[in-house]
Amino acid sequence: MTAAIIKPATPLSLVTRRFLRHRLAVASAALLAVLALLSLAAPLFESWLGLDANTVDLFNRFAPPSADHPLGTDEAGRDVLLRLLYGGRVSLFVGISAALTAAILGTTIGLLSGYFGGALDAIFMRFTDGVIALPLLPLLIVLAALDLEKLGFSAAAAQSEGASLYRIVVIVALVGWTTVARLVRATALSLRERQFVLAAKAQGASAARIMAVHILPNLASPIIVATTLSVGNVILLESVLSFLGLGIQPPLPSWGNLLTNAQELIWDAPALAVYPGLAIFVTVIAFNFVGDGLQDALDPRSLERGKR
């Protein structure tokens, strides 16, 4: 009889198998997928209910949940469910976009610093230390309060609906790259002395090729984990700035400015604060669980520690 040929498991299959063993991470990933799909389907819900998320109906304020309004209406008679779904699109977009932008910036700085070392490393790391030392929330408040017209933007661009959205993404990315930069630098410092990197140098490979082909793929694990964990923090920061009136500006909804609108109605209509607050809480916790699961899945040593 011919012996059965057993194919060796690929790194991706091993990571997937370890991740699936993390039940909280799997459940959180499924929950985030459902939230994302519901948010993306907001126009479909709008069409199905025959409503407009921004239409004001003062004769239907604070309506209770019904077939026409599954979660009721707010202080302006707008459907709460549709506002939550559209707010989810904004909050998730800000969280993911800012985290990815910060990861790219941090990876670039950390990789250059760790590979070249010397004076470049000293400059980059002192700059990183300076950014870390800044008080985060006051700095974000100052940056968010800047007048875009005085920075050279046209009046139409500064007052457009998406101006506050993209400004929050840029602001958070400018201060949120430090964690990734430090992780990438530390790993790059050890990788540049490994045999495969020294062999590539001996063969005449350029520094750019060594960093892109030999070092960067080995940095995937810390980058993915740090980026995933930072998404929840970004959503919290956006919510805080929107709650203070310096983040996403109405009529564009986000979970943060939905909380802002509800703070004066907390005794009359507490559900208006509960829904966006619960959405923020669940999303942030879910991203943290997914980050923990990815950290365990991408680190083979975690499985060995679990068996001891």
C-alpha atoms as a PDB file:
ATOM      1  CA  MET A   1       0.000   0.000   0.000  1.00  0.00           C
ATOM      2  CA  THR A   2       1.191   3.480  -0.776  1.00  0.00           C
ATOM      3  CA  ALA A   3       1.746   5.546   2.321  1.00  0.00           C
ATOM      4  CA  ALA A   4      -0.398   8.626   2.527  1.00  0.00           C
ATOM      5  CA  ILE A   5       1.486  11.828   1.903  1.00  0.00           C
ATOM      6  CA  ILE A   6       0.927  14.327   4.684  1.00  0.00           C
ATOM      7  CA  LYS A   7       1.327  17.886   3.530  1.00  0.00           C
ATOM      8  CA  PRO A   8       3.151  20.103   6.009  1.00  0.00           C
ATOM      9  CA  ALA A   9       1.044  22.829   7.559  1.00  0.00           C
ATOM     10  CA  THR A  10       1.645  26.299   6.173  1.00  0.00           C
ATOM     11  CA  PRO A  11       2.435  29.217   8.530  1.00  0.00           C
ATOM     12  CA  LEU A  12      -0.953  30.749   7.695  1.00  0.00           C
ATOM     13  CA  SER A  13      -2.818  27.565   8.610  1.00  0.00           C
ATOM     14  CA  LEU A  14      -0.903  27.304  11.895  1.00  0.00           C
ATOM     15  CA  VAL A  15      -1.742  30.918  12.777  1.00  0.00           C
ATOM     16  CA  THR A  16      -5.390  30.372  11.851  1.00  0.00           C
ATOM     17  CA  ARG A  17      -5.564  27.199  13.943  1.00  0.00           C
ATOM     18  CA  ARG A  18      -4.079  28.942  16.990  1.00  0.00           C
ATOM     19  CA  PHE A  19      -6.386  31.929  16.555  1.00  0.00           C
ATOM     20  CA  LEU A  20      -9.487  29.726  16.349  1.00  0.00           C
ATOM     21  CA  ARG A  21      -8.575  28.236  19.731  1.00  0.00           C
ATOM     22  CA  HIS A  22      -8.964  31.698  21.263  1.00  0.00           C
ATOM     23  CA  ARG A  23     -12.747  31.659  21.674  1.00  0.00           C
ATOM     24  CA  LEU A  24     -13.118  35.239  22.876  1.00  0.00           C
ATOM     25  CA  ALA A  25     -11.062  36.498  19.925  1.00  0.00           C
ATOM     26  CA  VAL A  26     -13.126  34.490  17.433  1.00  0.00           C
ATOM     27  CA  ALA A  27     -16.397  35.690  18.963  1.00  0.00           C
ATOM     28  CA  SER A  28     -15.098  39.277  18.952  1.00  0.00           C
ATOM     29  CA  ALA A  29     -14.014  39.035  15.322  1.00  0.00           C
ATOM     30  CA  ALA A  30     -17.464  37.718  14.379  1.00  0.00           C
ATOM     31  CA  LEU A  31     -19.112  40.549  16.327  1.00  0.00           C
ATOM     32  CA  LEU A  32     -16.944  43.170  14.610  1.00  0.00           C
ATOM     33  CA  ALA A  33     -17.771  41.659  11.228  1.00  0.00           C
ATOM     34  CA  VAL A  34     -21.493  41.893  12.011  1.00  0.00           C
ATOM     35  CA  LEU A  35     -21.129  45.521  13.171  1.00  0.00           C
ATOM     36  CA  ALA A  36     -19.184  46.413  10.022  1.00  0.00           C
ATOM     37  CA  LEU A  37     -21.725  44.728   7.727  1.00  0.00           C
ATOM     38  CA  LEU A  38     -24.652  46.408   9.482  1.00  0.00           C
ATOM     39  CA  SER A  39     -22.940  49.788   9.239  1.00  0.00           C
ATOM     40  CA  LEU A  40     -22.151  49.298   5.551  1.00  0.00           C
ATOM     41  CA  ALA A  41     -25.755  48.260   4.967  1.00  0.00           C
ATOM     42  CA  ALA A  42     -27.114  51.486   6.504  1.00  0.00           C
ATOM     43  CA  PRO A  43     -28.436  52.765   3.117  1.00  0.00           C
ATOM     44  CA  LEU A  44     -30.267  49.445   2.639  1.00  0.00           C
ATOM     45  CA  PHE A  45     -31.941  49.789   6.068  1.00  0.00           C
ATOM     46  CA  GLU A  46     -32.777  53.381   5.184  1.00  0.00           C
ATOM     47  CA  SER A  47     -34.481  52.251   1.967  1.00  0.00           C
ATOM     48  CA  TRP A  48     -36.213  49.319   3.683  1.00  0.00           C
ATOM     49  CA  LEU A  49     -37.658  51.509   6.451  1.00  0.00           C
ATOM     50  CA  GLY A  50     -38.513  54.270   3.980  1.00  0.00           C
ATOM     51  CA  LEU A  51     -36.790  56.877   6.132  1.00  0.00           C
ATOM     52  CA  ASP A  52     -33.974  59.405   5.910  1.00  0.00           C
ATOM     53  CA  ALA A  53     -31.446  59.415   8.735  1.00  0.00           C
ATOM     54  CA  ASN A  54     -31.125  63.223   8.604  1.00  0.00           C
ATOM     55  CA  THR A  55     -34.786  64.160   8.172  1.00  0.00           C
ATOM     56  CA  VAL A  56     -36.078  66.180  11.122  1.00  0.00           C
ATOM     57  CA  ASP A  57     -39.621  65.413  12.312  1.00  0.00           C
ATOM     58  CA  LEU A  58     -40.403  67.544  15.357  1.00  0.00           C
ATOM     59  CA  PHE A  59     -43.894  66.057  15.610  1.00  0.00           C
ATOM     60  CA  ASN A  60     -42.350  62.632  16.240  1.00  0.00           C
ATOM     61  CA  ARG A  61     -39.751  63.442  18.910  1.00  0.00           C
ATOM     62  CA  PHE A  62     -38.760  60.747  21.419  1.00  0.00           C
ATOM     63  CA  ALA A  63     -41.038  58.165  19.814  1.00  0.00           C
ATOM     64  CA  PRO A  64     -40.778  54.721  21.461  1.00  0.00           C
ATOM     65  CA  PRO A  65     -39.490  51.679  19.538  1.00  0.00           C
ATOM     66  CA  SER A  66     -41.933  50.518  16.893  1.00  0.00           C
ATOM     67  CA  ALA A  67     -42.049  48.764  13.535  1.00  0.00           C
ATOM     68  CA  ASP A  68     -41.357  52.087  11.790  1.00  0.00           C
ATOM     69  CA  HIS A  69     -38.577  53.064  14.208  1.00  0.00           C
ATOM     70  CA  PRO A  70     -36.984  49.914  15.735  1.00  0.00           C
ATOM     71  CA  LEU A  71     -35.032  51.936  18.335  1.00  0.00           C
ATOM     72  CA  GLY A  72     -37.320  54.957  18.476  1.00  0.00           C
ATOM     73  CA  THR A  73     -36.466  58.533  17.518  1.00  0.00           C
ATOM     74  CA  ASP A  74     -34.216  61.211  18.983  1.00  0.00           C
ATOM     75  CA  GLU A  75     -34.819  64.791  20.096  1.00  0.00           C
ATOM     76  CA  ALA A  76     -35.219  65.911  16.465  1.00  0.00           C
ATOM     77  CA  GLY A  77     -37.482  63.038  15.426  1.00  0.00           C
ATOM     78  CA  ARG A  78     -34.726  61.226  13.506  1.00  0.00           C
ATOM     79  CA  ASP A  79     -34.544  57.431  13.511  1.00  0.00           C
ATOM     80  CA  VAL A  80     -32.066  56.283  16.181  1.00  0.00           C
ATOM     81  CA  LEU A  81     -31.193  52.983  14.466  1.00  0.00           C
ATOM     82  CA  LEU A  82     -30.213  54.682  11.213  1.00  0.00           C
ATOM     83  CA  ARG A  83     -28.197  57.310  13.070  1.00  0.00           C
ATOM     84  CA  LEU A  84     -26.350  54.549  14.944  1.00  0.00           C
ATOM     85  CA  LEU A  85     -25.578  52.649  11.746  1.00  0.00           C
ATOM     86  CA  TYR A  86     -24.301  55.740   9.943  1.00  0.00           C
ATOM     87  CA  GLY A  87     -22.369  56.697  13.077  1.00  0.00           C
ATOM     88  CA  GLY A  88     -20.795  53.236  13.040  1.00  0.00           C
ATOM     89  CA  ARG A  89     -19.584  53.796   9.472  1.00  0.00           C
ATOM     90  CA  VAL A  90     -17.839  56.996  10.575  1.00  0.00           C
ATOM     91  CA  SER A  91     -16.383  55.697  13.846  1.00  0.00           C
ATOM     92  CA  LEU A  92     -15.103  52.442  12.328  1.00  0.00           C
ATOM     93  CA  PHE A  93     -13.655  54.294   9.332  1.00  0.00           C
ATOM     94  CA  VAL A  94     -11.818  56.736  11.601  1.00  0.00           C
ATOM     95  CA  GLY A  95     -10.532  53.946  13.859  1.00  0.00           C
ATOM     96  CA  ILE A  96      -9.266  51.682  11.095  1.00  0.00           C
ATOM     97  CA  SER A  97      -7.924  54.447   8.830  1.00  0.00           C
ATOM     98  CA  ALA A  98      -6.068  56.268  11.606  1.00  0.00           C
ATOM     99  CA  ALA A  99      -4.628  53.006  12.986  1.00  0.00           C
ATOM    100  CA  LEU A 100      -3.382  51.927   9.531  1.00  0.00           C
ATOM    101  CA  THR A 101      -1.904  55.364   8.807  1.00  0.00           C
ATOM    102  CA  ALA A 102      -0.158  55.415  12.183  1.00  0.00           C
ATOM    103  CA  ALA A 103       1.141  51.875  11.570  1.00  0.00           C
ATOM    104  CA  ILE A 104       2.637  52.860   8.205  1.00  0.00           C
ATOM    105  CA  LEU A 105       4.287  55.950   9.692  1.00  0.00           C
ATOM    106  CA  GLY A 106       5.552  54.079  12.755  1.00  0.00           C
ATOM    107  CA  THR A 107       6.838  51.159  10.683  1.00  0.00           C
ATOM    108  CA  THR A 108       8.780  53.488   8.397  1.00  0.00           C
ATOM    109  CA  ILE A 109      10.410  55.378  11.268  1.00  0.00           C
ATOM    110  CA  GLY A 110      11.102  52.256  13.338  1.00  0.00           C
ATOM    111  CA  LEU A 111      12.531  50.301  10.404  1.00  0.00           C
ATOM    112  CA  LEU A 112      14.909  53.083   9.344  1.00  0.00           C
ATOM    113  CA  SER A 113      15.933  53.688  12.947  1.00  0.00           C
ATOM    114  CA  GLY A 114      16.547  50.027  13.750  1.00  0.00           C
ATOM    115  CA  TYR A 115      18.357  49.129  10.539  1.00  0.00           C
ATOM    116  CA  PHE A 116      20.709  52.096  10.193  1.00  0.00           C
ATOM    117  CA  GLY A 117      21.200  52.859  13.910  1.00  0.00           C
ATOM    118  CA  GLY A 118      23.735  55.474  14.887  1.00  0.00           C
ATOM    119  CA  ALA A 119      22.838  59.145  14.611  1.00  0.00           C
ATOM    120  CA  LEU A 120      19.635  58.466  12.653  1.00  0.00           C
ATOM    121  CA  ASP A 121      18.445  56.117  15.386  1.00  0.00           C
ATOM    122  CA  ALA A 122      19.229  58.690  18.077  1.00  0.00           C
ATOM    123  CA  ILE A 123      17.348  61.459  16.241  1.00  0.00           C
ATOM    124  CA  PHE A 124      14.287  59.331  15.525  1.00  0.00           C
ATOM    125  CA  MET A 125      14.076  57.891  19.034  1.00  0.00           C
ATOM    126  CA  ARG A 126      14.490  61.264  20.752  1.00  0.00           C
ATOM    127  CA  PHE A 127      11.742  62.604  18.509  1.00  0.00           C
ATOM    128  CA  THR A 128       9.602  59.586  19.443  1.00  0.00           C
ATOM    129  CA  ASP A 129      10.276  60.189  23.141  1.00  0.00           C
ATOM    130  CA  GLY A 130       9.237  63.809  22.682  1.00  0.00           C
ATOM    131  CA  VAL A 131       5.913  62.822  21.086  1.00  0.00           C
ATOM    132  CA  ILE A 132       5.263  60.279  23.853  1.00  0.00           C
ATOM    133  CA  ALA A 133       5.994  62.908  26.526  1.00  0.00           C
ATOM    134  CA  LEU A 134       3.364  65.290  25.168  1.00  0.00           C
ATOM    135  CA  PRO A 135       0.023  65.286  27.043  1.00  0.00           C
ATOM    136  CA  LEU A 136      -2.140  63.423  24.548  1.00  0.00           C
ATOM    137  CA  LEU A 137      -5.659  64.702  25.147  1.00  0.00           C
ATOM    138  CA  PRO A 138      -4.787  68.424  25.475  1.00  0.00           C
ATOM    139  CA  LEU A 139      -2.637  68.121  22.338  1.00  0.00           C
ATOM    140  CA  LEU A 140      -5.494  66.498  20.404  1.00  0.00           C
ATOM    141  CA  ILE A 141      -7.895  69.197  21.591  1.00  0.00           C
ATOM    142  CA  VAL A 142      -5.540  71.961  20.411  1.00  0.00           C
ATOM    143  CA  LEU A 143      -4.966  70.309  17.023  1.00  0.00           C
ATOM    144  CA  ALA A 144      -8.676  69.618  16.530  1.00  0.00           C
ATOM    145  CA  ALA A 145      -9.530  73.239  17.326  1.00  0.00           C
ATOM    146  CA  LEU A 146      -7.206  74.676  14.654  1.00  0.00           C
ATOM    147  CA  ASP A 147      -8.918  76.717  11.948  1.00  0.00           C
ATOM    148  CA  LEU A 148      -8.273  74.965   8.627  1.00  0.00           C
ATOM    149  CA  GLU A 149      -8.732  78.194   6.666  1.00  0.00           C
ATOM    150  CA  LYS A 150      -5.772  79.731   8.530  1.00  0.00           C
ATOM    151  CA  LEU A 151      -3.694  76.688   7.560  1.00  0.00           C
ATOM    152  CA  GLY A 152      -4.194  77.445   3.860  1.00  0.00           C
ATOM    153  CA  PHE A 153      -7.280  75.391   3.051  1.00  0.00           C
ATOM    154  CA  SER A 154     -10.103  76.947   1.066  1.00  0.00           C
ATOM    155  CA  ALA A 155     -13.320  77.912   2.831  1.00  0.00           C
ATOM    156  CA  ALA A 156     -15.249  75.255   0.901  1.00  0.00           C
ATOM    157  CA  ALA A 157     -12.800  72.510   1.911  1.00  0.00           C
ATOM    158  CA  ALA A 158     -12.599  73.666   5.541  1.00  0.00           C
ATOM    159  CA  GLN A 159     -16.388  73.719   5.909  1.00  0.00           C
ATOM    160  CA  SER A 160     -17.116  70.541   3.958  1.00  0.00           C
ATOM    161  CA  GLU A 161     -18.830  67.594   5.640  1.00  0.00           C
ATOM    162  CA  GLY A 162     -15.761  65.363   5.422  1.00  0.00           C
ATOM    163  CA  ALA A 163     -13.253  67.958   6.687  1.00  0.00           C
ATOM    164  CA  SER A 164     -13.703  67.031  10.346  1.00  0.00           C
ATOM    165  CA  LEU A 165     -13.575  63.336   9.452  1.00  0.00           C
ATOM    166  CA  TYR A 166     -10.234  63.431   7.662  1.00  0.00           C
ATOM    167  CA  ARG A 167      -8.781  65.916  10.151  1.00  0.00           C
ATOM    168  CA  ILE A 168      -9.400  63.474  13.016  1.00  0.00           C
ATOM    169  CA  VAL A 169      -7.733  60.662  11.038  1.00  0.00           C
ATOM    170  CA  VAL A 170      -4.647  62.797  10.373  1.00  0.00           C
ATOM    171  CA  ILE A 171      -4.432  64.174  13.918  1.00  0.00           C
ATOM    172  CA  VAL A 172      -4.705  60.765  15.603  1.00  0.00           C
ATOM    173  CA  ALA A 173      -2.232  59.218  13.160  1.00  0.00           C
ATOM    174  CA  LEU A 174       0.303  61.971  13.852  1.00  0.00           C
ATOM    175  CA  VAL A 175       0.409  61.143  17.559  1.00  0.00           C
ATOM    176  CA  GLY A 176      -0.404  57.414  17.468  1.00  0.00           C
ATOM    177  CA  TRP A 177       2.588  55.982  15.601  1.00  0.00           C
ATOM    178  CA  THR A 178       5.029  55.831  18.512  1.00  0.00           C
ATOM    179  CA  THR A 179       4.093  52.358  19.816  1.00  0.00           C
ATOM    180  CA  VAL A 180       4.560  50.739  16.413  1.00  0.00           C
ATOM    181  CA  ALA A 181       7.819  52.632  15.863  1.00  0.00           C
ATOM    182  CA  ARG A 182       9.328  51.348  19.117  1.00  0.00           C
ATOM    183  CA  LEU A 183       8.235  47.750  18.474  1.00  0.00           C
ATOM    184  CA  VAL A 184       9.557  47.786  14.897  1.00  0.00           C
ATOM    185  CA  ARG A 185      12.854  49.374  15.927  1.00  0.00           C
ATOM    186  CA  ALA A 186      13.480  46.803  18.662  1.00  0.00           C
ATOM    187  CA  THR A 187      12.813  43.901  16.290  1.00  0.00           C
ATOM    188  CA  ALA A 188      14.801  45.434  13.436  1.00  0.00           C
ATOM    189  CA  LEU A 189      17.826  45.899  15.726  1.00  0.00           C
ATOM    190  CA  SER A 190      17.964  42.154  16.356  1.00  0.00           C
ATOM    191  CA  LEU A 191      17.109  41.115  12.790  1.00  0.00           C
ATOM    192  CA  ARG A 192      19.856  43.185  11.158  1.00  0.00           C
ATOM    193  CA  GLU A 193      22.485  40.976  12.826  1.00  0.00           C
ATOM    194  CA  ARG A 194      20.886  37.689  11.734  1.00  0.00           C
ATOM    195  CA  GLN A 195      22.662  35.407   9.276  1.00  0.00           C
ATOM    196  CA  PHE A 196      20.161  35.846   6.411  1.00  0.00           C
ATOM    197  CA  VAL A 197      20.555  39.638   6.545  1.00  0.00           C
ATOM    198  CA  LEU A 198      24.350  39.426   6.654  1.00  0.00           C
ATOM    199  CA  ALA A 199      24.237  37.000   3.708  1.00  0.00           C
ATOM    200  CA  ALA A 200      22.088  39.438   1.715  1.00  0.00           C
ATOM    201  CA  LYS A 201      24.591  42.220   2.445  1.00  0.00           C
ATOM    202  CA  ALA A 202      27.459  39.995   1.312  1.00  0.00           C
ATOM    203  CA  GLN A 203      25.650  39.370  -1.979  1.00  0.00           C
ATOM    204  CA  GLY A 204      25.462  43.114  -2.597  1.00  0.00           C
ATOM    205  CA  ALA A 205      21.784  43.700  -1.821  1.00  0.00           C
ATOM    206  CA  SER A 206      20.880  47.330  -1.252  1.00  0.00           C
ATOM    207  CA  ALA A 207      19.639  48.595   2.107  1.00  0.00           C
ATOM    208  CA  ALA A 208      16.172  49.239   0.659  1.00  0.00           C
ATOM    209  CA  ARG A 209      15.918  45.659  -0.643  1.00  0.00           C
ATOM    210  CA  ILE A 210      17.151  44.155   2.628  1.00  0.00           C
ATOM    211  CA  MET A 211      14.609  46.157   4.629  1.00  0.00           C
ATOM    212  CA  ALA A 212      11.723  45.425   2.246  1.00  0.00           C
ATOM    213  CA  VAL A 213      12.420  41.757   1.463  1.00  0.00           C
ATOM    214  CA  HIS A 214      14.306  40.350   4.433  1.00  0.00           C
ATOM    215  CA  ILE A 215      13.381  42.424   7.498  1.00  0.00           C
ATOM    216  CA  LEU A 216       9.888  43.822   6.933  1.00  0.00           C
ATOM    217  CA  PRO A 217       8.152  40.410   6.473  1.00  0.00           C
ATOM    218  CA  ASN A 218       9.549  39.331   9.849  1.00  0.00           C
ATOM    219  CA  LEU A 219       7.992  42.406  11.460  1.00  0.00           C
ATOM    220  CA  ALA A 220       4.444  41.481  10.448  1.00  0.00           C
ATOM    221  CA  SER A 221       3.514  39.993  13.813  1.00  0.00           C
ATOM    222  CA  PRO A 222       4.185  43.022  16.077  1.00  0.00           C
ATOM    223  CA  ILE A 223       2.785  45.426  13.473  1.00  0.00           C
ATOM    224  CA  ILE A 224      -0.501  43.526  13.079  1.00  0.00           C
ATOM    225  CA  VAL A 225      -0.988  43.133  16.814  1.00  0.00           C
ATOM    226  CA  ALA A 226      -0.162  46.770  17.627  1.00  0.00           C
ATOM    227  CA  THR A 227      -2.411  48.055  14.826  1.00  0.00           C
ATOM    228  CA  THR A 228      -5.344  45.890  15.905  1.00  0.00           C
ATOM    229  CA  LEU A 229      -5.043  46.986  19.522  1.00  0.00           C
ATOM    230  CA  SER A 230      -4.771  50.652  18.541  1.00  0.00           C
ATOM    231  CA  VAL A 231      -8.062  50.666  16.595  1.00  0.00           C
ATOM    232  CA  GLY A 232     -10.037  50.565  19.834  1.00  0.00           C
ATOM    233  CA  ASN A 233      -7.960  53.402  21.310  1.00  0.00           C
ATOM    234  CA  VAL A 234      -8.533  55.515  18.203  1.00  0.00           C
ATOM    235  CA  ILE A 235     -12.300  54.993  18.394  1.00  0.00           C
ATOM    236  CA  LEU A 236     -12.180  56.106  22.034  1.00  0.00           C
ATOM    237  CA  LEU A 237     -10.161  59.214  21.146  1.00  0.00           C
ATOM    238  CA  GLU A 238     -12.552  60.091  18.330  1.00  0.00           C
ATOM    239  CA  SER A 239     -15.482  59.628  20.690  1.00  0.00           C
ATOM    240  CA  VAL A 240     -13.885  61.891  23.306  1.00  0.00           C
ATOM    241  CA  LEU A 241     -13.152  64.645  20.784  1.00  0.00           C
ATOM    242  CA  SER A 242     -16.645  64.372  19.280  1.00  0.00           C
ATOM    243  CA  PHE A 243     -18.140  64.414  22.770  1.00  0.00           C
ATOM    244  CA  LEU A 244     -16.248  67.668  23.423  1.00  0.00           C
ATOM    245  CA  GLY A 245     -17.550  69.104  20.145  1.00  0.00           C
ATOM    246  CA  LEU A 246     -14.121  69.073  18.454  1.00  0.00           C
ATOM    247  CA  GLY A 247     -14.388  65.823  16.494  1.00  0.00           C
ATOM    248  CA  ILE A 248     -16.855  64.762  13.830  1.00  0.00           C
ATOM    249  CA  GLN A 249     -19.222  67.659  13.245  1.00  0.00           C
ATOM    250  CA  PRO A 250     -22.991  67.321  12.689  1.00  0.00           C
ATOM    251  CA  PRO A 251     -24.903  66.584  10.555  1.00  0.00           C
ATOM    252  CA  LEU A 252     -22.389  63.764   9.967  1.00  0.00           C
ATOM    253  CA  PRO A 253     -23.141  61.303  12.795  1.00  0.00           C
ATOM    254  CA  SER A 254     -20.596  59.398  14.832  1.00  0.00           C
ATOM    255  CA  TRP A 255     -20.994  57.490  18.059  1.00  0.00           C
ATOM    256  CA  GLY A 256     -19.137  60.270  19.870  1.00  0.00           C
ATOM    257  CA  ASN A 257     -21.327  63.160  18.742  1.00  0.00           C
ATOM    258  CA  LEU A 258     -24.453  61.034  19.288  1.00  0.00           C
ATOM    259  CA  LEU A 259     -23.355  60.888  22.929  1.00  0.00           C
ATOM    260  CA  THR A 260     -22.825  64.658  22.891  1.00  0.00           C
ATOM    261  CA  ASN A 261     -26.380  65.246  21.690  1.00  0.00           C
ATOM    262  CA  ALA A 262     -27.731  62.873  24.346  1.00  0.00           C
ATOM    263  CA  GLN A 263     -25.909  64.270  27.378  1.00  0.00           C
ATOM    264  CA  GLU A 264     -28.543  66.925  28.084  1.00  0.00           C
ATOM    265  CA  LEU A 265     -31.344  64.381  27.690  1.00  0.00           C
ATOM    266  CA  ILE A 266     -29.916  61.686  29.922  1.00  0.00           C
ATOM    267  CA  TRP A 267     -32.871  61.872  32.349  1.00  0.00           C
ATOM    268  CA  ASP A 268     -35.606  62.353  29.751  1.00  0.00           C
ATOM    269  CA  ALA A 269     -34.366  59.822  27.159  1.00  0.00           C
ATOM    270  CA  PRO A 270     -31.516  57.708  28.596  1.00  0.00           C
ATOM    271  CA  ALA A 271     -31.651  55.269  25.666  1.00  0.00           C
ATOM    272  CA  LEU A 272     -30.163  57.950  23.396  1.00  0.00           C
ATOM    273  CA  ALA A 273     -26.962  57.770  25.452  1.00  0.00           C
ATOM    274  CA  VAL A 274     -27.066  54.036  26.124  1.00  0.00           C
ATOM    275  CA  TYR A 275     -27.071  52.952  22.467  1.00  0.00           C
ATOM    276  CA  PRO A 276     -23.951  54.823  21.233  1.00  0.00           C
ATOM    277  CA  GLY A 277     -22.170  54.270  24.564  1.00  0.00           C
ATOM    278  CA  LEU A 278     -22.822  50.534  24.351  1.00  0.00           C
ATOM    279  CA  ALA A 279     -21.670  50.476  20.717  1.00  0.00           C
ATOM    280  CA  ILE A 280     -18.370  52.161  21.655  1.00  0.00           C
ATOM    281  CA  PHE A 281     -17.852  49.867  24.643  1.00  0.00           C
ATOM    282  CA  VAL A 282     -18.532  46.658  22.706  1.00  0.00           C
ATOM    283  CA  THR A 283     -16.392  47.689  19.726  1.00  0.00           C
ATOM    284  CA  VAL A 284     -13.370  48.692  21.805  1.00  0.00           C
ATOM    285  CA  ILE A 285     -13.520  45.516  23.915  1.00  0.00           C
ATOM    286  CA  ALA A 286     -13.909  43.381  20.796  1.00  0.00           C
ATOM    287  CA  PHE A 287     -10.864  44.922  19.110  1.00  0.00           C
ATOM    288  CA  ASN A 288      -8.824  44.324  22.263  1.00  0.00           C
ATOM    289  CA  PHE A 289      -9.852  40.662  22.375  1.00  0.00           C
ATOM    290  CA  VAL A 290      -9.000  40.254  18.683  1.00  0.00           C
ATOM    291  CA  GLY A 291      -5.606  41.845  19.315  1.00  0.00           C
ATOM    292  CA  ASP A 292      -4.947  39.447  22.187  1.00  0.00           C
ATOM    293  CA  GLY A 293      -5.942  36.506  20.014  1.00  0.00           C
ATOM    294  CA  LEU A 294      -3.668  37.607  17.185  1.00  0.00           C
ATOM    295  CA  GLN A 295      -0.807  38.118  19.618  1.00  0.00           C
ATOM    296  CA  ASP A 296      -1.139  34.529  20.816  1.00  0.00           C
ATOM    297  CA  ALA A 297      -1.658  33.163  17.305  1.00  0.00           C
ATOM    298  CA  LEU A 298       1.325  34.947  15.795  1.00  0.00           C
ATOM    299  CA  ASP A 299       3.652  33.933  18.630  1.00  0.00           C
ATOM    300  CA  PRO A 300       4.383  30.178  18.493  1.00  0.00           C
ATOM    301  CA  ARG A 301       5.915  30.343  21.978  1.00  0.00           C
ATOM    302  CA  SER A 302       2.496  31.214  23.449  1.00  0.00           C
ATOM    303  CA  LEU A 303       1.230  27.758  22.527  1.00  0.00           C
ATOM    304  CA  GLU A 304       4.199  26.127  24.203  1.00  0.00           C
ATOM    305  CA  ARG A 305       3.658  28.192  27.355  1.00  0.00           C
ATOM    306  CA  GLY A 306       0.015  27.128  27.394  1.00  0.00           C
ATOM    307  CA  LYS A 307       1.000  23.455  27.432  1.00  0.00           C
ATOM    308  CA  ARG A 308       3.327  23.798  30.425  1.00  0.00           C
END
